[in-house]
Amino acid sequence: MDDKTTGWIITIASILGIIIYFYLIFISPWSSLTIEISAFLAVGAILLIIGWIGYTLATTPPPTPLEDFNLETDEDTEN
């Protein structure tokens, strides 16, 4: 499948998603449940990203200081 076809599929799927979400929020009898689930998923996604950033900061070793690198220039290697 080429990129153009994939792009059209994504566009059509997003428009259908908007239509379905509109129905669930404004027309269906489950509007309050839909809003509650949407809010939970939005807040959960944000907190998941914040947790992932915290985990990455906690488990990544600190960078090596610059003075520990052996920096050689072209002039040093020619001699």
PDB file of N, CA and C in Angstrom:
ATOM      1  N   MET A   1       0.847  -1.170   0.000  1.00  0.00           N
ATOM      2  CA  MET A   1       0.000   0.000   0.000  1.00  0.00           C
ATOM      3  C   MET A   1       0.898   1.241   0.000  1.00  0.00           C
ATOM      4  N   ASP A   2       0.605   2.180  -0.887  1.00  0.00           N
ATOM      5  CA  ASP A   2       1.452   3.369  -0.974  1.00  0.00           C
ATOM      6  C   ASP A   2       1.021   4.423   0.045  1.00  0.00           C
ATOM      7  N   ASP A   3       1.815   5.472   0.142  1.00  0.00           N
ATOM      8  CA  ASP A   3       1.578   6.508   1.147  1.00  0.00           C
ATOM      9  C   ASP A   3       0.273   7.260   0.917  1.00  0.00           C
ATOM     10  N   LYS A   4      -0.075   7.467  -0.345  1.00  0.00           N
ATOM     11  CA  LYS A   4      -1.289   8.206  -0.652  1.00  0.00           C
ATOM     12  C   LYS A   4      -2.524   7.439  -0.175  1.00  0.00           C
ATOM     13  N   THR A   5      -2.548   6.139  -0.419  1.00  0.00           N
ATOM     14  CA  THR A   5      -3.669   5.311   0.031  1.00  0.00           C
ATOM     15  C   THR A   5      -3.743   5.295   1.553  1.00  0.00           C
ATOM     16  N   THR A   6      -2.613   5.156   2.193  1.00  0.00           N
ATOM     17  CA  THR A   6      -2.576   5.174   3.655  1.00  0.00           C
ATOM     18  C   THR A   6      -3.082   6.509   4.191  1.00  0.00           C
ATOM     19  N   GLY A   7      -2.690   7.588   3.557  1.00  0.00           N
ATOM     20  CA  GLY A   7      -3.150   8.909   3.969  1.00  0.00           C
ATOM     21  C   GLY A   7      -4.655   9.057   3.851  1.00  0.00           C
ATOM     22  N   TRP A   8      -5.235   8.548   2.748  1.00  0.00           N
ATOM     23  CA  TRP A   8      -6.686   8.632   2.583  1.00  0.00           C
ATOM     24  C   TRP A   8      -7.418   7.757   3.596  1.00  0.00           C
ATOM     25  N   ILE A   9      -6.869   6.601   3.898  1.00  0.00           N
ATOM     26  CA  ILE A   9      -7.493   5.727   4.906  1.00  0.00           C
ATOM     27  C   ILE A   9      -7.490   6.411   6.272  1.00  0.00           C
ATOM     28  N   ILE A  10      -6.378   7.018   6.641  1.00  0.00           N
ATOM     29  CA  ILE A  10      -6.290   7.720   7.917  1.00  0.00           C
ATOM     30  C   ILE A  10      -7.257   8.898   7.953  1.00  0.00           C
ATOM     31  N   THR A  11      -7.364   9.644   6.841  1.00  0.00           N
ATOM     32  CA  THR A  11      -8.276  10.786   6.783  1.00  0.00           C
ATOM     33  C   THR A  11      -9.723  10.346   6.947  1.00  0.00           C
ATOM     34  N   ILE A  12     -10.131   9.313   6.221  1.00  0.00           N
ATOM     35  CA  ILE A  12     -11.505   8.817   6.302  1.00  0.00           C
ATOM     36  C   ILE A  12     -11.795   8.246   7.695  1.00  0.00           C
ATOM     37  N   ALA A  13     -10.833   7.519   8.259  1.00  0.00           N
ATOM     38  CA  ALA A  13     -11.023   6.957   9.597  1.00  0.00           C
ATOM     39  C   ALA A  13     -11.171   8.063  10.644  1.00  0.00           C
ATOM     40  N   SER A  14     -10.408   9.138  10.507  1.00  0.00           N
ATOM     41  CA  SER A  14     -10.520  10.224  11.482  1.00  0.00           C
ATOM     42  C   SER A  14     -11.848  10.958  11.341  1.00  0.00           C
ATOM     43  N   ILE A  15     -12.343  11.141  10.125  1.00  0.00           N
ATOM     44  CA  ILE A  15     -13.651  11.776   9.933  1.00  0.00           C
ATOM     45  C   ILE A  15     -14.757  10.890  10.504  1.00  0.00           C
ATOM     46  N   LEU A  16     -14.689   9.584  10.263  1.00  0.00           N
ATOM     47  CA  LEU A  16     -15.662   8.670  10.858  1.00  0.00           C
ATOM     48  C   LEU A  16     -15.580   8.686  12.383  1.00  0.00           C
ATOM     49  N   GLY A  17     -14.383   8.772  12.919  1.00  0.00           N
ATOM     50  CA  GLY A  17     -14.211   8.861  14.365  1.00  0.00           C
ATOM     51  C   GLY A  17     -14.844  10.112  14.937  1.00  0.00           C
ATOM     52  N   ILE A  18     -14.718  11.232  14.231  1.00  0.00           N
ATOM     53  CA  ILE A  18     -15.344  12.478  14.675  1.00  0.00           C
ATOM     54  C   ILE A  18     -16.870  12.342  14.664  1.00  0.00           C
ATOM     55  N   ILE A  19     -17.405  11.736  13.623  1.00  0.00           N
ATOM     56  CA  ILE A  19     -18.857  11.553  13.514  1.00  0.00           C
ATOM     57  C   ILE A  19     -19.371  10.648  14.638  1.00  0.00           C
ATOM     58  N   ILE A  20     -18.670   9.563  14.883  1.00  0.00           N
ATOM     59  CA  ILE A  20     -19.081   8.635  15.950  1.00  0.00           C
ATOM     60  C   ILE A  20     -18.979   9.308  17.311  1.00  0.00           C
ATOM     61  N   TYR A  21     -17.910  10.052  17.533  1.00  0.00           N
ATOM     62  CA  TYR A  21     -17.737  10.747  18.812  1.00  0.00           C
ATOM     63  C   TYR A  21     -18.828  11.806  18.996  1.00  0.00           C
ATOM     64  N   PHE A  22     -19.162  12.537  17.929  1.00  0.00           N
ATOM     65  CA  PHE A  22     -20.252  13.509  17.990  1.00  0.00           C
ATOM     66  C   PHE A  22     -21.555  12.828  18.394  1.00  0.00           C
ATOM     67  N   TYR A  23     -21.829  11.688  17.780  1.00  0.00           N
ATOM     68  CA  TYR A  23     -23.045  10.944  18.128  1.00  0.00           C
ATOM     69  C   TYR A  23     -23.029  10.536  19.601  1.00  0.00           C
ATOM     70  N   LEU A  24     -21.909  10.003  20.041  1.00  0.00           N
ATOM     71  CA  LEU A  24     -21.820   9.533  21.436  1.00  0.00           C
ATOM     72  C   LEU A  24     -21.947  10.671  22.440  1.00  0.00           C
ATOM     73  N   ILE A  25     -21.453  11.851  22.111  1.00  0.00           N
ATOM     74  CA  ILE A  25     -21.492  12.973  23.045  1.00  0.00           C
ATOM     75  C   ILE A  25     -22.855  13.670  23.050  1.00  0.00           C
ATOM     76  N   PHE A  26     -23.425  13.927  21.876  1.00  0.00           N
ATOM     77  CA  PHE A  26     -24.593  14.797  21.806  1.00  0.00           C
ATOM     78  C   PHE A  26     -25.927  14.083  21.571  1.00  0.00           C
ATOM     79  N   ILE A  27     -25.940  12.868  21.036  1.00  0.00           N
ATOM     80  CA  ILE A  27     -27.195  12.230  20.657  1.00  0.00           C
ATOM     81  C   ILE A  27     -27.494  10.992  21.501  1.00  0.00           C
ATOM     82  N   SER A  28     -26.485  10.202  21.783  1.00  0.00           N
ATOM     83  CA  SER A  28     -26.716   8.920  22.448  1.00  0.00           C
ATOM     84  C   SER A  28     -27.066   9.097  23.929  1.00  0.00           C
ATOM     85  N   PRO A  29     -27.684   8.091  24.513  1.00  0.00           N
ATOM     86  CA  PRO A  29     -27.971   8.154  25.947  1.00  0.00           C
ATOM     87  C   PRO A  29     -26.733   7.933  26.820  1.00  0.00           C
ATOM     88  N   TRP A  30     -25.604   7.589  26.215  1.00  0.00           N
ATOM     89  CA  TRP A  30     -24.375   7.329  26.973  1.00  0.00           C
ATOM     90  C   TRP A  30     -23.437   8.526  26.972  1.00  0.00           C
ATOM     91  N   SER A  31     -23.969   9.739  26.811  1.00  0.00           N
ATOM     92  CA  SER A  31     -23.096  10.909  26.676  1.00  0.00           C
ATOM     93  C   SER A  31     -22.259  11.160  27.933  1.00  0.00           C
ATOM     94  N   SER A  32     -22.846  11.019  29.107  1.00  0.00           N
ATOM     95  CA  SER A  32     -22.058  11.276  30.322  1.00  0.00           C
ATOM     96  C   SER A  32     -20.956  10.231  30.491  1.00  0.00           C
ATOM     97  N   LEU A  33     -21.260   8.983  30.171  1.00  0.00           N
ATOM     98  CA  LEU A  33     -20.241   7.934  30.251  1.00  0.00           C
ATOM     99  C   LEU A  33     -19.134   8.183  29.224  1.00  0.00           C
ATOM    100  N   THR A  34     -19.513   8.633  28.039  1.00  0.00           N
ATOM    101  CA  THR A  34     -18.520   8.936  26.995  1.00  0.00           C
ATOM    102  C   THR A  34     -17.597  10.062  27.439  1.00  0.00           C
ATOM    103  N   ILE A  35     -18.164  11.088  28.045  1.00  0.00           N
ATOM    104  CA  ILE A  35     -17.341  12.210  28.525  1.00  0.00           C
ATOM    105  C   ILE A  35     -16.419  11.749  29.649  1.00  0.00           C
ATOM    106  N   GLU A  36     -16.929  10.929  30.548  1.00  0.00           N
ATOM    107  CA  GLU A  36     -16.094  10.435  31.650  1.00  0.00           C
ATOM    108  C   GLU A  36     -14.944   9.583  31.135  1.00  0.00           C
ATOM    109  N   ILE A  37     -15.233   8.699  30.196  1.00  0.00           N
ATOM    110  CA  ILE A  37     -14.177   7.841  29.635  1.00  0.00           C
ATOM    111  C   ILE A  37     -13.158   8.682  28.877  1.00  0.00           C
ATOM    112  N   SER A  38     -13.634   9.664  28.096  1.00  0.00           N
ATOM    113  CA  SER A  38     -12.722  10.539  27.343  1.00  0.00           C
ATOM    114  C   SER A  38     -11.809  11.314  28.268  1.00  0.00           C
ATOM    115  N   ALA A  39     -12.374  11.867  29.330  1.00  0.00           N
ATOM    116  CA  ALA A  39     -11.556  12.625  30.287  1.00  0.00           C
ATOM    117  C   ALA A  39     -10.547  11.713  30.968  1.00  0.00           C
ATOM    118  N   PHE A  40     -10.974  10.521  31.348  1.00  0.00           N
ATOM    119  CA  PHE A  40     -10.054   9.575  31.985  1.00  0.00           C
ATOM    120  C   PHE A  40      -8.906   9.208  31.054  1.00  0.00           C
ATOM    121  N   LEU A  41      -9.219   8.932  29.782  1.00  0.00           N
ATOM    122  CA  LEU A  41      -8.166   8.566  28.828  1.00  0.00           C
ATOM    123  C   LEU A  41      -7.210   9.728  28.561  1.00  0.00           C
ATOM    124  N   ALA A  42      -7.741  10.950  28.481  1.00  0.00           N
ATOM    125  CA  ALA A  42      -6.879  12.113  28.240  1.00  0.00           C
ATOM    126  C   ALA A  42      -5.934  12.345  29.418  1.00  0.00           C
ATOM    127  N   VAL A  43      -6.476  12.342  30.626  1.00  0.00           N
ATOM    128  CA  VAL A  43      -5.641  12.551  31.814  1.00  0.00           C
ATOM    129  C   VAL A  43      -4.673  11.382  31.989  1.00  0.00           C
ATOM    130  N   GLY A  44      -5.147  10.168  31.750  1.00  0.00           N
ATOM    131  CA  GLY A  44      -4.274   8.996  31.849  1.00  0.00           C
ATOM    132  C   GLY A  44      -3.120   9.047  30.867  1.00  0.00           C
ATOM    133  N   ALA A  45      -3.384   9.502  29.631  1.00  0.00           N
ATOM    134  CA  ALA A  45      -2.318   9.604  28.633  1.00  0.00           C
ATOM    135  C   ALA A  45      -1.270  10.631  29.055  1.00  0.00           C
ATOM    136  N   ILE A  46      -1.724  11.770  29.566  1.00  0.00           N
ATOM    137  CA  ILE A  46      -0.781  12.795  30.017  1.00  0.00           C
ATOM    138  C   ILE A  46       0.056  12.284  31.192  1.00  0.00           C
ATOM    139  N   LEU A  47      -0.586  11.640  32.153  1.00  0.00           N
ATOM    140  CA  LEU A  47       0.156  11.117  33.301  1.00  0.00           C
ATOM    141  C   LEU A  47       1.099   9.990  32.900  1.00  0.00           C
ATOM    142  N   LEU A  48       0.711   9.187  31.916  1.00  0.00           N
ATOM    143  CA  LEU A  48       1.591   8.134  31.417  1.00  0.00           C
ATOM    144  C   LEU A  48       2.842   8.731  30.781  1.00  0.00           C
ATOM    145  N   ILE A  49       2.680   9.781  30.004  1.00  0.00           N
ATOM    146  CA  ILE A  49       3.833  10.447  29.391  1.00  0.00           C
ATOM    147  C   ILE A  49       4.734  11.055  30.467  1.00  0.00           C
ATOM    148  N   ILE A  50       4.148  11.695  31.472  1.00  0.00           N
ATOM    149  CA  ILE A  50       4.939  12.262  32.566  1.00  0.00           C
ATOM    150  C   ILE A  50       5.681  11.151  33.317  1.00  0.00           C
ATOM    151  N   GLY A  51       5.014  10.030  33.556  1.00  0.00           N
ATOM    152  CA  GLY A  51       5.668   8.903  34.212  1.00  0.00           C
ATOM    153  C   GLY A  51       6.811   8.338  33.394  1.00  0.00           C
ATOM    154  N   TRP A  52       6.621   8.266  32.076  1.00  0.00           N
ATOM    155  CA  TRP A  52       7.674   7.766  31.191  1.00  0.00           C
ATOM    156  C   TRP A  52       8.883   8.702  31.226  1.00  0.00           C
ATOM    157  N   ILE A  53       8.643  10.004  31.234  1.00  0.00           N
ATOM    158  CA  ILE A  53       9.747  10.961  31.325  1.00  0.00           C
ATOM    159  C   ILE A  53      10.479  10.794  32.657  1.00  0.00           C
ATOM    160  N   GLY A  54       9.725  10.640  33.742  1.00  0.00           N
ATOM    161  CA  GLY A  54      10.352  10.443  35.050  1.00  0.00           C
ATOM    162  C   GLY A  54      11.161   9.167  35.110  1.00  0.00           C
ATOM    163  N   TYR A  55      10.622   8.077  34.562  1.00  0.00           N
ATOM    164  CA  TYR A  55      11.351   6.812  34.544  1.00  0.00           C
ATOM    165  C   TYR A  55      12.631   6.939  33.732  1.00  0.00           C
ATOM    166  N   THR A  56      12.544   7.613  32.595  1.00  0.00           N
ATOM    167  CA  THR A  56      13.731   7.791  31.750  1.00  0.00           C
ATOM    168  C   THR A  56      14.788   8.607  32.478  1.00  0.00           C
ATOM    169  N   LEU A  57      14.367   9.676  33.154  1.00  0.00           N
ATOM    170  CA  LEU A  57      15.333  10.484  33.917  1.00  0.00           C
ATOM    171  C   LEU A  57      15.951   9.685  35.065  1.00  0.00           C
ATOM    172  N   ALA A  58      15.162   8.829  35.692  1.00  0.00           N
ATOM    173  CA  ALA A  58      15.650   8.074  36.844  1.00  0.00           C
ATOM    174  C   ALA A  58      16.591   6.943  36.448  1.00  0.00           C
ATOM    175  N   THR A  59      16.417   6.369  35.264  1.00  0.00           N
ATOM    176  CA  THR A  59      17.202   5.190  34.896  1.00  0.00           C
ATOM    177  C   THR A  59      18.326   5.465  33.900  1.00  0.00           C
ATOM    178  N   THR A  60      18.403   6.661  33.353  1.00  0.00           N
ATOM    179  CA  THR A  60      19.463   6.977  32.395  1.00  0.00           C
ATOM    180  C   THR A  60      20.701   7.426  33.156  1.00  0.00           C
ATOM    181  N   PRO A  61      21.858   6.833  32.861  1.00  0.00           N
ATOM    182  CA  PRO A  61      23.075   7.268  33.562  1.00  0.00           C
ATOM    183  C   PRO A  61      23.447   8.696  33.145  1.00  0.00           C
ATOM    184  N   PRO A  62      24.109   9.411  34.030  1.00  0.00           N
ATOM    185  CA  PRO A  62      24.492  10.789  33.684  1.00  0.00           C
ATOM    186  C   PRO A  62      25.512  10.789  32.549  1.00  0.00           C
ATOM    187  N   PRO A  63      25.547  11.841  31.765  1.00  0.00           N
ATOM    188  CA  PRO A  63      26.517  11.901  30.664  1.00  0.00           C
ATOM    189  C   PRO A  63      27.938  12.029  31.182  1.00  0.00           C
ATOM    190  N   THR A  64      28.888  11.557  30.394  1.00  0.00           N
ATOM    191  CA  THR A  64      30.300  11.659  30.748  1.00  0.00           C
ATOM    192  C   THR A  64      30.727  13.120  30.632  1.00  0.00           C
ATOM    193  N   PRO A  65      31.431  13.643  31.621  1.00  0.00           N
ATOM    194  CA  PRO A  65      31.894  15.040  31.536  1.00  0.00           C
ATOM    195  C   PRO A  65      32.796  15.240  30.322  1.00  0.00           C
ATOM    196  N   LEU A  66      32.789  16.427  29.762  1.00  0.00           N
ATOM    197  CA  LEU A  66      33.553  16.701  28.542  1.00  0.00           C
ATOM    198  C   LEU A  66      35.054  16.580  28.749  1.00  0.00           C
ATOM    199  N   GLU A  67      35.556  16.878  29.937  1.00  0.00           N
ATOM    200  CA  GLU A  67      37.004  16.813  30.132  1.00  0.00           C
ATOM    201  C   GLU A  67      37.530  15.382  30.113  1.00  0.00           C
ATOM    202  N   ASP A  68      36.650  14.385  30.236  1.00  0.00           N
ATOM    203  CA  ASP A  68      37.090  12.994  30.184  1.00  0.00           C
ATOM    204  C   ASP A  68      37.263  12.483  28.756  1.00  0.00           C
ATOM    205  N   PHE A  69      36.755  13.211  27.780  1.00  0.00           N
ATOM    206  CA  PHE A  69      36.915  12.788  26.393  1.00  0.00           C
ATOM    207  C   PHE A  69      38.333  13.074  25.922  1.00  0.00           C
ATOM    208  N   ASN A  70      38.855  12.181  25.069  1.00  0.00           N
ATOM    209  CA  ASN A  70      40.166  12.374  24.474  1.00  0.00           C
ATOM    210  C   ASN A  70      39.952  13.059  23.132  1.00  0.00           C
ATOM    211  N   LEU A  71      40.053  14.393  23.126  1.00  0.00           N
ATOM    212  CA  LEU A  71      39.806  15.154  21.909  1.00  0.00           C
ATOM    213  C   LEU A  71      41.127  15.392  21.211  1.00  0.00           C
ATOM    214  N   GLU A  72      41.273  14.780  20.044  1.00  0.00           N
ATOM    215  CA  GLU A  72      42.467  14.983  19.249  1.00  0.00           C
ATOM    216  C   GLU A  72      42.098  15.777  18.001  1.00  0.00           C
ATOM    217  N   THR A  73      42.934  16.736  17.657  1.00  0.00           N
ATOM    218  CA  THR A  73      42.708  17.502  16.443  1.00  0.00           C
ATOM    219  C   THR A  73      43.548  16.917  15.333  1.00  0.00           C
ATOM    220  N   ASP A  74      43.335  17.400  14.134  1.00  0.00           N
ATOM    221  CA  ASP A  74      44.126  16.935  13.000  1.00  0.00           C
ATOM    222  C   ASP A  74      45.591  17.283  13.163  1.00  0.00           C
ATOM    223  N   GLU A  75      45.884  18.391  13.825  1.00  0.00           N
ATOM    224  CA  GLU A  75      47.283  18.796  14.040  1.00  0.00           C
ATOM    225  C   GLU A  75      47.988  17.809  14.960  1.00  0.00           C
ATOM    226  N   ASP A  76      47.284  17.251  15.956  1.00  0.00           N
ATOM    227  CA  ASP A  76      47.903  16.309  16.873  1.00  0.00           C
ATOM    228  C   ASP A  76      48.238  14.993  16.181  1.00  0.00           C
ATOM    229  N   THR A  77      47.422  14.568  15.263  1.00  0.00           N
ATOM    230  CA  THR A  77      47.657  13.277  14.606  1.00  0.00           C
ATOM    231  C   THR A  77      48.720  13.364  13.536  1.00  0.00           C
ATOM    232  N   GLU A  78      48.993  14.577  12.989  1.00  0.00           N
ATOM    233  CA  GLU A  78      49.999  14.721  11.945  1.00  0.00           C
ATOM    234  C   GLU A  78      51.405  14.656  12.517  1.00  0.00           C
ATOM    235  N   ASN A  79      51.620  15.000  13.752  1.00  0.00           N
ATOM    236  CA  ASN A  79      52.954  15.046  14.344  1.00  0.00           C
ATOM    237  C   ASN A  79      53.446  13.694  14.742  1.00  0.00           C
TER     238      ASN A  79
END
